[in-house]
């Protein structure tokens, strides 16, 4: 959607178990269907493992966030999203800027705590884990090419991410 650029920043967060330096959305005037992306545009990866600690944003705002992979631009990518307001983890595919829900799994997690979101995409198999528990297994290869990885904050969300890692043999 159309909106203003959200501001992402590395900041200190003493609640993190991994590292007190986290990346977070610190300013966000968006709402609704706007996707706030932070893409790592160095290297392109097809088969990838991505993980990050994630903490929901401030109360009273849309919260949660997710991991992006196989992105070729801001309109084409896969997304694994934790949505604490809907109490779900979702797997989505964005094509031409339009999201398609591929799969959803119920999750009831404390929004004040850090959680681990992980994705493994190998050929057409996509596995999504939440707090080390498998929650989604899906077969899809609509975006059958290498792309960037990144972070996602929906609408007005202001999540924080820590210990972001990705691995690929490519």
Foldseek 3Di string as FASTA:
>chain_A
DDDDAFDWDFDADPQDPPHRTWIKRPGAPFADFDKHWDWDAPDWFQWKKKKWKKAWADPPGFIWKWKWFLDPDPQFIWTFICGQVVQKTWIWTGHRNDIDTPDIFGHHDDRHHIKMWMWGQDQQWIWIDINNHTTDIDGGCPSVTIGIMTMIDGTRIMMIIPPIDMDHPD
